[in-house]
PDB file of N, CA and C in Angstrom:
ATOM      1  N   MET A   1       9.298  90.123  36.172  1.00  0.00           N
ATOM      2  CA  MET A   1      10.643  89.555  36.179  1.00  0.00           C
ATOM      3  C   MET A   1      10.993  89.177  37.616  1.00  0.00           C
ATOM      4  N   THR A   2      11.445  87.966  37.789  1.00  0.00           N
ATOM      5  CA  THR A   2      11.862  87.541  39.121  1.00  0.00           C
ATOM      6  C   THR A   2      13.303  87.942  39.344  1.00  0.00           C
ATOM      7  N   SER A   3      13.740  87.902  40.581  1.00  0.00           N
ATOM      8  CA  SER A   3      15.092  88.353  40.907  1.00  0.00           C
ATOM      9  C   SER A   3      16.168  87.454  40.314  1.00  0.00           C
ATOM     10  N   ASP A   4      15.833  86.197  39.936  1.00  0.00           N
ATOM     11  CA  ASP A   4      16.844  85.313  39.378  1.00  0.00           C
ATOM     12  C   ASP A   4      16.814  85.300  37.854  1.00  0.00           C
ATOM     13  N   THR A   5      16.001  86.150  37.234  1.00  0.00           N
ATOM     14  CA  THR A   5      15.928  86.231  35.783  1.00  0.00           C
ATOM     15  C   THR A   5      16.663  87.473  35.315  1.00  0.00           C
ATOM     16  N   ALA A   6      17.644  87.266  34.451  1.00  0.00           N
ATOM     17  CA  ALA A   6      18.397  88.397  33.926  1.00  0.00           C
ATOM     18  C   ALA A   6      17.549  89.145  32.905  1.00  0.00           C
ATOM     19  N   PRO A   7      17.668  90.479  32.867  1.00  0.00           N
ATOM     20  CA  PRO A   7      16.971  91.219  31.820  1.00  0.00           C
ATOM     21  C   PRO A   7      17.544  90.832  30.459  1.00  0.00           C
ATOM     22  N   VAL A   8      16.780  91.041  29.420  1.00  0.00           N
ATOM     23  CA  VAL A   8      17.211  90.699  28.069  1.00  0.00           C
ATOM     24  C   VAL A   8      17.497  91.992  27.310  1.00  0.00           C
ATOM     25  N   CYS A   9      18.622  92.032  26.628  1.00  0.00           N
ATOM     26  CA  CYS A   9      19.000  93.176  25.802  1.00  0.00           C
ATOM     27  C   CYS A   9      18.055  93.212  24.596  1.00  0.00           C
ATOM     28  N   PRO A  10      17.295  94.301  24.416  1.00  0.00           N
ATOM     29  CA  PRO A  10      16.357  94.356  23.301  1.00  0.00           C
ATOM     30  C   PRO A  10      17.032  94.516  21.945  1.00  0.00           C
ATOM     31  N   LEU A  11      18.337  94.708  21.930  1.00  0.00           N
ATOM     32  CA  LEU A  11      19.054  94.832  20.668  1.00  0.00           C
ATOM     33  C   LEU A  11      19.538  93.471  20.176  1.00  0.00           C
ATOM     34  N   CYS A  12      20.314  92.768  21.008  1.00  0.00           N
ATOM     35  CA  CYS A  12      20.871  91.471  20.587  1.00  0.00           C
ATOM     36  C   CYS A  12      20.031  90.294  21.066  1.00  0.00           C
ATOM     37  N   LEU A  13      19.074  90.574  21.950  1.00  0.00           N
ATOM     38  CA  LEU A  13      18.156  89.563  22.494  1.00  0.00           C
ATOM     39  C   LEU A  13      18.836  88.503  23.362  1.00  0.00           C
ATOM     40  N   ARG A  14      20.047  88.809  23.858  1.00  0.00           N
ATOM     41  CA  ARG A  14      20.736  87.930  24.803  1.00  0.00           C
ATOM     42  C   ARG A  14      20.492  88.444  26.208  1.00  0.00           C
ATOM     43  N   PRO A  15      20.518  87.545  27.215  1.00  0.00           N
ATOM     44  CA  PRO A  15      20.366  88.012  28.603  1.00  0.00           C
ATOM     45  C   PRO A  15      21.518  88.934  29.007  1.00  0.00           C
ATOM     46  N   ILE A  16      21.245  89.797  29.959  1.00  0.00           N
ATOM     47  CA  ILE A  16      22.276  90.676  30.537  1.00  0.00           C
ATOM     48  C   ILE A  16      22.508  90.190  31.960  1.00  0.00           C
ATOM     49  N   PRO A  17      23.492  89.311  32.171  1.00  0.00           N
ATOM     50  CA  PRO A  17      23.727  88.777  33.513  1.00  0.00           C
ATOM     51  C   PRO A  17      24.195  89.857  34.483  1.00  0.00           C
ATOM     52  N   THR A  18      23.964  89.624  35.754  1.00  0.00           N
ATOM     53  CA  THR A  18      24.443  90.518  36.804  1.00  0.00           C
ATOM     54  C   THR A  18      25.963  90.641  36.682  1.00  0.00           C
ATOM     55  N   GLY A  19      26.463  91.838  36.810  1.00  0.00           N
ATOM     56  CA  GLY A  19      27.903  92.060  36.759  1.00  0.00           C
ATOM     57  C   GLY A  19      28.445  92.332  35.371  1.00  0.00           C
ATOM     58  N   VAL A  20      27.627  92.173  34.335  1.00  0.00           N
ATOM     59  CA  VAL A  20      28.066  92.451  32.962  1.00  0.00           C
ATOM     60  C   VAL A  20      27.855  93.933  32.683  1.00  0.00           C
ATOM     61  N   ALA A  21      28.816  94.543  31.986  1.00  0.00           N
ATOM     62  CA  ALA A  21      28.698  95.961  31.654  1.00  0.00           C
ATOM     63  C   ALA A  21      27.404  96.214  30.884  1.00  0.00           C
ATOM     64  N   GLN A  22      26.640  97.188  31.356  1.00  0.00           N
ATOM     65  CA  GLN A  22      25.347  97.507  30.751  1.00  0.00           C
ATOM     66  C   GLN A  22      25.145  99.002  30.816  1.00  0.00           C
ATOM     67  N   SER A  23      24.237  99.505  29.996  1.00  0.00           N
ATOM     68  CA  SER A  23      23.951 100.933  30.029  1.00  0.00           C
ATOM     69  C   SER A  23      22.547 101.198  29.506  1.00  0.00           C
ATOM     70  N   LEU A  24      22.015 102.337  29.915  1.00  0.00           N
ATOM     71  CA  LEU A  24      20.696 102.752  29.447  1.00  0.00           C
ATOM     72  C   LEU A  24      20.853 103.545  28.153  1.00  0.00           C
ATOM     73  N   HIS A  25      20.034 103.211  27.177  1.00  0.00           N
ATOM     74  CA  HIS A  25      20.034 103.920  25.896  1.00  0.00           C
ATOM     75  C   HIS A  25      18.745 104.718  25.780  1.00  0.00           C
ATOM     76  N   HIS A  26      18.866 106.007  25.536  1.00  0.00           N
ATOM     77  CA  HIS A  26      17.694 106.849  25.279  1.00  0.00           C
ATOM     78  C   HIS A  26      17.244 106.577  23.852  1.00  0.00           C
ATOM     79  N   LEU A  27      16.008 106.119  23.679  1.00  0.00           N
ATOM     80  CA  LEU A  27      15.525 105.783  22.344  1.00  0.00           C
ATOM     81  C   LEU A  27      15.531 106.994  21.426  1.00  0.00           C
ATOM     82  N   ILE A  28      15.273 108.161  21.983  1.00  0.00           N
ATOM     83  CA  ILE A  28      15.500 109.416  21.267  1.00  0.00           C
ATOM     84  C   ILE A  28      16.628 110.102  22.024  1.00  0.00           C
ATOM     85  N   PRO A  29      17.770 110.331  21.340  1.00  0.00           N
ATOM     86  CA  PRO A  29      18.922 110.908  22.046  1.00  0.00           C
ATOM     87  C   PRO A  29      18.569 112.184  22.802  1.00  0.00           C
ATOM     88  N   LYS A  30      19.215 112.352  23.957  1.00  0.00           N
ATOM     89  CA  LYS A  30      18.965 113.526  24.795  1.00  0.00           C
ATOM     90  C   LYS A  30      19.195 114.821  24.019  1.00  0.00           C
ATOM     91  N   LEU A  31      20.224 114.832  23.169  1.00  0.00           N
ATOM     92  CA  LEU A  31      20.521 116.039  22.396  1.00  0.00           C
ATOM     93  C   LEU A  31      19.455 116.341  21.347  1.00  0.00           C
ATOM     94  N   LYS A  32      18.601 115.378  21.073  1.00  0.00           N
ATOM     95  CA  LYS A  32      17.539 115.560  20.072  1.00  0.00           C
ATOM     96  C   LYS A  32      16.157 115.579  20.716  1.00  0.00           C
ATOM     97  N   GLY A  33      16.096 115.929  22.004  1.00  0.00           N
ATOM     98  CA  GLY A  33      14.828 116.085  22.675  1.00  0.00           C
ATOM     99  C   GLY A  33      14.371 114.890  23.493  1.00  0.00           C
ATOM    100  N   GLY A  34      15.231 113.891  23.665  1.00  0.00           N
ATOM    101  CA  GLY A  34      14.828 112.686  24.367  1.00  0.00           C
ATOM    102  C   GLY A  34      15.097 112.668  25.855  1.00  0.00           C
ATOM    103  N   LYS A  35      15.576 113.776  26.420  1.00  0.00           N
ATOM    104  CA  LYS A  35      15.826 113.817  27.858  1.00  0.00           C
ATOM    105  C   LYS A  35      14.518 113.556  28.594  1.00  0.00           C
ATOM    106  N   GLY A  36      14.519 112.588  29.481  1.00  0.00           N
ATOM    107  CA  GLY A  36      13.317 112.228  30.200  1.00  0.00           C
ATOM    108  C   GLY A  36      12.413 111.276  29.440  1.00  0.00           C
ATOM    109  N   GLY A  37      12.819 110.923  28.211  1.00  0.00           N
ATOM    110  CA  GLY A  37      12.021 110.010  27.391  1.00  0.00           C
ATOM    111  C   GLY A  37      12.335 108.558  27.704  1.00  0.00           C
ATOM    112  N   PRO A  38      11.761 107.643  26.941  1.00  0.00           N
ATOM    113  CA  PRO A  38      11.945 106.215  27.200  1.00  0.00           C
ATOM    114  C   PRO A  38      13.394 105.759  26.985  1.00  0.00           C
ATOM    115  N   THR A  39      13.805 104.836  27.824  1.00  0.00           N
ATOM    116  CA  THR A  39      15.132 104.239  27.727  1.00  0.00           C
ATOM    117  C   THR A  39      15.000 102.722  27.718  1.00  0.00           C
ATOM    118  N   VAL A  40      16.048 102.058  27.227  1.00  0.00           N
ATOM    119  CA  VAL A  40      16.123 100.598  27.277  1.00  0.00           C
ATOM    120  C   VAL A  40      17.487 100.214  27.824  1.00  0.00           C
ATOM    121  N   LEU A  41      17.535  99.113  28.556  1.00  0.00           N
ATOM    122  CA  LEU A  41      18.785  98.599  29.102  1.00  0.00           C
ATOM    123  C   LEU A  41      19.451  97.718  28.059  1.00  0.00           C
ATOM    124  N   LEU A  42      20.705  98.024  27.725  1.00  0.00           N
ATOM    125  CA  LEU A  42      21.464  97.281  26.717  1.00  0.00           C
ATOM    126  C   LEU A  42      22.775  96.784  27.299  1.00  0.00           C
ATOM    127  N   HIS A  43      23.346  95.724  26.695  1.00  0.00           N
ATOM    128  CA  HIS A  43      24.745  95.398  26.975  1.00  0.00           C
ATOM    129  C   HIS A  43      25.553  96.637  26.584  1.00  0.00           C
ATOM    130  N   HIS A  44      26.592  96.915  27.307  1.00  0.00           N
ATOM    131  CA  HIS A  44      27.417  98.079  26.985  1.00  0.00           C
ATOM    132  C   HIS A  44      28.000  97.955  25.580  1.00  0.00           C
ATOM    133  N   ILE A  45      28.420  96.752  25.191  1.00  0.00           N
ATOM    134  CA  ILE A  45      28.993  96.534  23.863  1.00  0.00           C
ATOM    135  C   ILE A  45      27.963  96.855  22.770  1.00  0.00           C
ATOM    136  N   CYS A  46      26.702  96.506  22.999  1.00  0.00           N
ATOM    137  CA  CYS A  46      25.639  96.796  22.030  1.00  0.00           C
ATOM    138  C   CYS A  46      25.387  98.297  21.943  1.00  0.00           C
ATOM    139  N   HIS A  47      25.384  98.956  23.089  1.00  0.00           N
ATOM    140  CA  HIS A  47      25.160 100.398  23.131  1.00  0.00           C
ATOM    141  C   HIS A  47      26.270 101.138  22.391  1.00  0.00           C
ATOM    142  N   LYS A  48      27.502 100.776  22.656  1.00  0.00           N
ATOM    143  CA  LYS A  48      28.624 101.426  21.986  1.00  0.00           C
ATOM    144  C   LYS A  48      28.557 101.211  20.476  1.00  0.00           C
ATOM    145  N   GLU A  49      28.184 100.021  20.070  1.00  0.00           N
ATOM    146  CA  GLU A  49      28.134  99.711  18.638  1.00  0.00           C
ATOM    147  C   GLU A  49      27.075 100.535  17.914  1.00  0.00           C
ATOM    148  N   LEU A  50      25.911 100.689  18.495  1.00  0.00           N
ATOM    149  CA  LEU A  50      24.888 101.449  17.779  1.00  0.00           C
ATOM    150  C   LEU A  50      25.270 102.917  17.670  1.00  0.00           C
ATOM    151  N   HIS A  51      25.960 103.457  18.688  1.00  0.00           N
ATOM    152  CA  HIS A  51      26.409 104.848  18.586  1.00  0.00           C
ATOM    153  C   HIS A  51      27.595 104.985  17.629  1.00  0.00           C
ATOM    154  N   ALA A  52      28.319 103.909  17.376  1.00  0.00           N
ATOM    155  CA  ALA A  52      29.400 103.948  16.396  1.00  0.00           C
ATOM    156  C   ALA A  52      28.852 103.915  14.964  1.00  0.00           C
ATOM    157  N   ARG A  53      27.666 103.355  14.792  1.00  0.00           N
ATOM    158  CA  ARG A  53      27.113 103.173  13.444  1.00  0.00           C
ATOM    159  C   ARG A  53      26.086 104.217  13.028  1.00  0.00           C
ATOM    160  N   PHE A  54      25.513 104.936  13.978  1.00  0.00           N
ATOM    161  CA  PHE A  54      24.462 105.901  13.656  1.00  0.00           C
ATOM    162  C   PHE A  54      24.752 107.253  14.280  1.00  0.00           C
ATOM    163  N   THR A  55      24.343 108.308  13.584  1.00  0.00           N
ATOM    164  CA  THR A  55      24.441 109.654  14.156  1.00  0.00           C
ATOM    165  C   THR A  55      23.280 109.857  15.129  1.00  0.00           C
ATOM    166  N   GLU A  56      23.385 110.866  15.952  1.00  0.00           N
ATOM    167  CA  GLU A  56      22.289 111.195  16.877  1.00  0.00           C
ATOM    168  C   GLU A  56      21.018 111.510  16.080  1.00  0.00           C
ATOM    169  N   ALA A  57      21.168 112.233  14.971  1.00  0.00           N
ATOM    170  CA  ALA A  57      20.003 112.584  14.150  1.00  0.00           C
ATOM    171  C   ALA A  57      19.358 111.323  13.562  1.00  0.00           C
ATOM    172  N   GLU A  58      20.158 110.377  13.091  1.00  0.00           N
ATOM    173  CA  GLU A  58      19.610 109.126  12.544  1.00  0.00           C
ATOM    174  C   GLU A  58      18.868 108.345  13.623  1.00  0.00           C
ATOM    175  N   LEU A  59      19.456 108.291  14.820  1.00  0.00           N
ATOM    176  CA  LEU A  59      18.799 107.578  15.917  1.00  0.00           C
ATOM    177  C   LEU A  59      17.454 108.218  16.250  1.00  0.00           C
ATOM    178  N   ALA A  60      17.406 109.541  16.300  1.00  0.00           N
ATOM    179  CA  ALA A  60      16.166 110.234  16.638  1.00  0.00           C
ATOM    180  C   ALA A  60      15.120 110.081  15.541  1.00  0.00           C
ATOM    181  N   ARG A  61      15.546 110.183  14.290  1.00  0.00           N
ATOM    182  CA  ARG A  61      14.610 110.207  13.169  1.00  0.00           C
ATOM    183  C   ARG A  61      14.128 108.821  12.754  1.00  0.00           C
ATOM    184  N   SER A  62      15.056 107.865  12.602  1.00  0.00           N
ATOM    185  CA  SER A  62      14.708 106.595  11.962  1.00  0.00           C
ATOM    186  C   SER A  62      14.927 105.354  12.808  1.00  0.00           C
ATOM    187  N   PHE A  63      15.725 105.461  13.842  1.00  0.00           N
ATOM    188  CA  PHE A  63      16.105 104.267  14.607  1.00  0.00           C
ATOM    189  C   PHE A  63      15.806 104.464  16.092  1.00  0.00           C
ATOM    190  N   ASN A  64      14.560 104.832  16.397  1.00  0.00           N
ATOM    191  CA  ASN A  64      14.193 105.164  17.777  1.00  0.00           C
ATOM    192  C   ASN A  64      13.377 104.070  18.455  1.00  0.00           C
ATOM    193  N   THR A  65      13.473 102.843  17.934  1.00  0.00           N
ATOM    194  CA  THR A  65      12.883 101.678  18.605  1.00  0.00           C
ATOM    195  C   THR A  65      13.873 100.523  18.500  1.00  0.00           C
ATOM    196  N   PRO A  66      13.835  99.586  19.441  1.00  0.00           N
ATOM    197  CA  PRO A  66      14.710  98.418  19.319  1.00  0.00           C
ATOM    198  C   PRO A  66      14.443  97.652  18.015  1.00  0.00           C
ATOM    199  N   GLU A  67      13.180  97.599  17.581  1.00  0.00           N
ATOM    200  CA  GLU A  67      12.838  96.879  16.351  1.00  0.00           C
ATOM    201  C   GLU A  67      13.480  97.533  15.130  1.00  0.00           C
ATOM    202  N   ALA A  68      13.427  98.848  15.055  1.00  0.00           N
ATOM    203  CA  ALA A  68      14.043  99.559  13.927  1.00  0.00           C
ATOM    204  C   ALA A  68      15.551  99.345  13.909  1.00  0.00           C
ATOM    205  N   LEU A  69      16.166  99.354  15.078  1.00  0.00           N
ATOM    206  CA  LEU A  69      17.609  99.108  15.152  1.00  0.00           C
ATOM    207  C   LEU A  69      17.941  97.689  14.704  1.00  0.00           C
ATOM    208  N   ARG A  70      17.181  96.702  15.194  1.00  0.00           N
ATOM    209  CA  ARG A  70      17.441  95.311  14.810  1.00  0.00           C
ATOM    210  C   ARG A  70      17.229  95.078  13.318  1.00  0.00           C
ATOM    211  N   ASP A  71      16.308  95.814  12.716  1.00  0.00           N
ATOM    212  CA  ASP A  71      16.006  95.653  11.291  1.00  0.00           C
ATOM    213  C   ASP A  71      17.000  96.372  10.383  1.00  0.00           C
ATOM    214  N   SER A  72      17.877  97.163  10.948  1.00  0.00           N
ATOM    215  CA  SER A  72      18.815  97.943  10.145  1.00  0.00           C
ATOM    216  C   SER A  72      19.893  97.075   9.508  1.00  0.00           C
ATOM    217  N   ASP A  73      20.089  97.263   8.209  1.00  0.00           N
ATOM    218  CA  ASP A  73      21.160  96.553   7.504  1.00  0.00           C
ATOM    219  C   ASP A  73      22.537  96.960   8.025  1.00  0.00           C
ATOM    220  N   ARG A  74      22.654  98.178   8.531  1.00  0.00           N
ATOM    221  CA  ARG A  74      23.948  98.641   9.040  1.00  0.00           C
ATOM    222  C   ARG A  74      24.328  97.974  10.349  1.00  0.00           C
ATOM    223  N   LEU A  75      23.349  97.542  11.131  1.00  0.00           N
ATOM    224  CA  LEU A  75      23.630  96.908  12.422  1.00  0.00           C
ATOM    225  C   LEU A  75      23.621  95.385  12.326  1.00  0.00           C
ATOM    226  N   ARG A  76      23.022  94.841  11.264  1.00  0.00           N
ATOM    227  CA  ARG A  76      22.864  93.394  11.108  1.00  0.00           C
ATOM    228  C   ARG A  76      24.188  92.628  11.252  1.00  0.00           C
ATOM    229  N   PRO A  77      25.289  93.039  10.615  1.00  0.00           N
ATOM    230  CA  PRO A  77      26.542  92.270  10.776  1.00  0.00           C
ATOM    231  C   PRO A  77      26.977  92.151  12.239  1.00  0.00           C
ATOM    232  N   PHE A  78      26.857  93.243  12.989  1.00  0.00           N
ATOM    233  CA  PHE A  78      27.215  93.199  14.404  1.00  0.00           C
ATOM    234  C   PHE A  78      26.293  92.257  15.166  1.00  0.00           C
ATOM    235  N   LEU A  79      24.981  92.370  14.940  1.00  0.00           N
ATOM    236  CA  LEU A  79      24.024  91.532  15.661  1.00  0.00           C
ATOM    237  C   LEU A  79      24.247  90.050  15.355  1.00  0.00           C
ATOM    238  N   ASP A  80      24.535  89.723  14.105  1.00  0.00           N
ATOM    239  CA  ASP A  80      24.827  88.332  13.742  1.00  0.00           C
ATOM    240  C   ASP A  80      26.101  87.846  14.445  1.00  0.00           C
ATOM    241  N   TRP A  81      27.094  88.722  14.530  1.00  0.00           N
ATOM    242  CA  TRP A  81      28.371  88.369  15.163  1.00  0.00           C
ATOM    243  C   TRP A  81      28.203  88.194  16.667  1.00  0.00           C
ATOM    244  N   VAL A  82      27.557  89.163  17.320  1.00  0.00           N
ATOM    245  CA  VAL A  82      27.465  89.127  18.785  1.00  0.00           C
ATOM    246  C   VAL A  82      26.521  88.015  19.258  1.00  0.00           C
ATOM    247  N   ALA A  83      25.581  87.603  18.420  1.00  0.00           N
ATOM    248  CA  ALA A  83      24.647  86.536  18.796  1.00  0.00           C
ATOM    249  C   ALA A  83      25.378  85.224  19.085  1.00  0.00           C
ATOM    250  N   LYS A  84      26.568  85.065  18.516  1.00  0.00           N
ATOM    251  CA  LYS A  84      27.363  83.848  18.710  1.00  0.00           C
ATOM    252  C   LYS A  84      28.243  83.924  19.954  1.00  0.00           C
ATOM    253  N   ARG A  85      28.203  85.046  20.655  1.00  0.00           N
ATOM    254  CA  ARG A  85      29.025  85.248  21.847  1.00  0.00           C
ATOM    255  C   ARG A  85      28.189  85.000  23.101  1.00  0.00           C
ATOM    256  N   PRO A  86      28.844  84.605  24.190  1.00  0.00           N
ATOM    257  CA  PRO A  86      28.097  84.423  25.446  1.00  0.00           C
ATOM    258  C   PRO A  86      27.582  85.773  25.954  1.00  0.00           C
ATOM    259  N   PRO A  87      26.519  85.760  26.765  1.00  0.00           N
ATOM    260  CA  PRO A  87      25.924  87.012  27.245  1.00  0.00           C
ATOM    261  C   PRO A  87      26.895  87.939  27.970  1.00  0.00           C
ATOM    262  N   GLY A  88      27.919  87.391  28.608  1.00  0.00           N
ATOM    263  CA  GLY A  88      28.875  88.225  29.335  1.00  0.00           C
ATOM    264  C   GLY A  88      30.054  88.671  28.508  1.00  0.00           C
ATOM    265  N   PHE A  89      30.044  88.401  27.208  1.00  0.00           N
ATOM    266  CA  PHE A  89      31.165  88.747  26.329  1.00  0.00           C
ATOM    267  C   PHE A  89      31.418  90.240  26.340  1.00  0.00           C
ATOM    268  N   LEU A  90      32.681  90.599  26.424  1.00  0.00           N
ATOM    269  CA  LEU A  90      33.087  91.999  26.422  1.00  0.00           C
ATOM    270  C   LEU A  90      34.208  92.161  25.426  1.00  0.00           C
ATOM    271  N   SER A  91      34.108  93.130  24.592  1.00  0.00           N
ATOM    272  CA  SER A  91      35.132  93.377  23.586  1.00  0.00           C
ATOM    273  C   SER A  91      35.221  94.868  23.341  1.00  0.00           C
ATOM    274  N   ARG A  92      36.370  95.290  22.961  1.00  0.00           N
ATOM    275  CA  ARG A  92      36.503  96.686  22.570  1.00  0.00           C
ATOM    276  C   ARG A  92      35.852  96.843  21.213  1.00  0.00           C
ATOM    277  N   THR A  93      35.068  97.876  21.047  1.00  0.00           N
ATOM    278  CA  THR A  93      34.470  98.142  19.745  1.00  0.00           C
ATOM    279  C   THR A  93      35.341  99.158  19.025  1.00  0.00           C
ATOM    280  N   PRO A  94      35.386  99.076  17.703  1.00  0.00           N
ATOM    281  CA  PRO A  94      36.184 100.039  16.951  1.00  0.00           C
ATOM    282  C   PRO A  94      35.672 101.460  17.146  1.00  0.00           C
ATOM    283  N   GLY A  95      36.446 102.409  16.680  1.00  0.00           N
ATOM    284  CA  GLY A  95      36.036 103.808  16.789  1.00  0.00           C
ATOM    285  C   GLY A  95      34.807 104.099  15.975  1.00  0.00           C
ATOM    286  N   ARG A  96      34.419 105.333  15.967  1.00  0.00           N
ATOM    287  CA  ARG A  96      33.178 105.743  15.288  1.00  0.00           C
ATOM    288  C   ARG A  96      33.257 105.452  13.794  1.00  0.00           C
ATOM    289  N   ARG A  97      32.217 104.776  13.302  1.00  0.00           N
ATOM    290  CA  ARG A  97      32.089 104.512  11.865  1.00  0.00           C
ATOM    291  C   ARG A  97      30.756 105.080  11.421  1.00  0.00           C
ATOM    292  N   ARG A  98      30.787 106.005  10.522  1.00  0.00           N
ATOM    293  CA  ARG A  98      29.503 106.611  10.073  1.00  0.00           C
ATOM    294  C   ARG A  98      29.446 106.636   8.585  1.00  0.00           C
TER     295      ARG A  98
END
């Protein structure tokens, strides 16, 4: 990756421009043994949404790869919606939905 290329969010597949809220997601939650494990850089809005839709146990057991998350029917409506937004889009996400 060159310095002028923005990283790509592995969840929504949009670039993460410099200055846009972003966060590291532990593919296996820290509370479920993922401390020190692999992480991925996500848009903050994407990170908040996946934690609103899945429990820590679900993330550890069934949704511990970007591909599994993207393939989830529970996340599909959000991914379809956010794909139409610019990479720097920021929105408040609703509270926890499980």
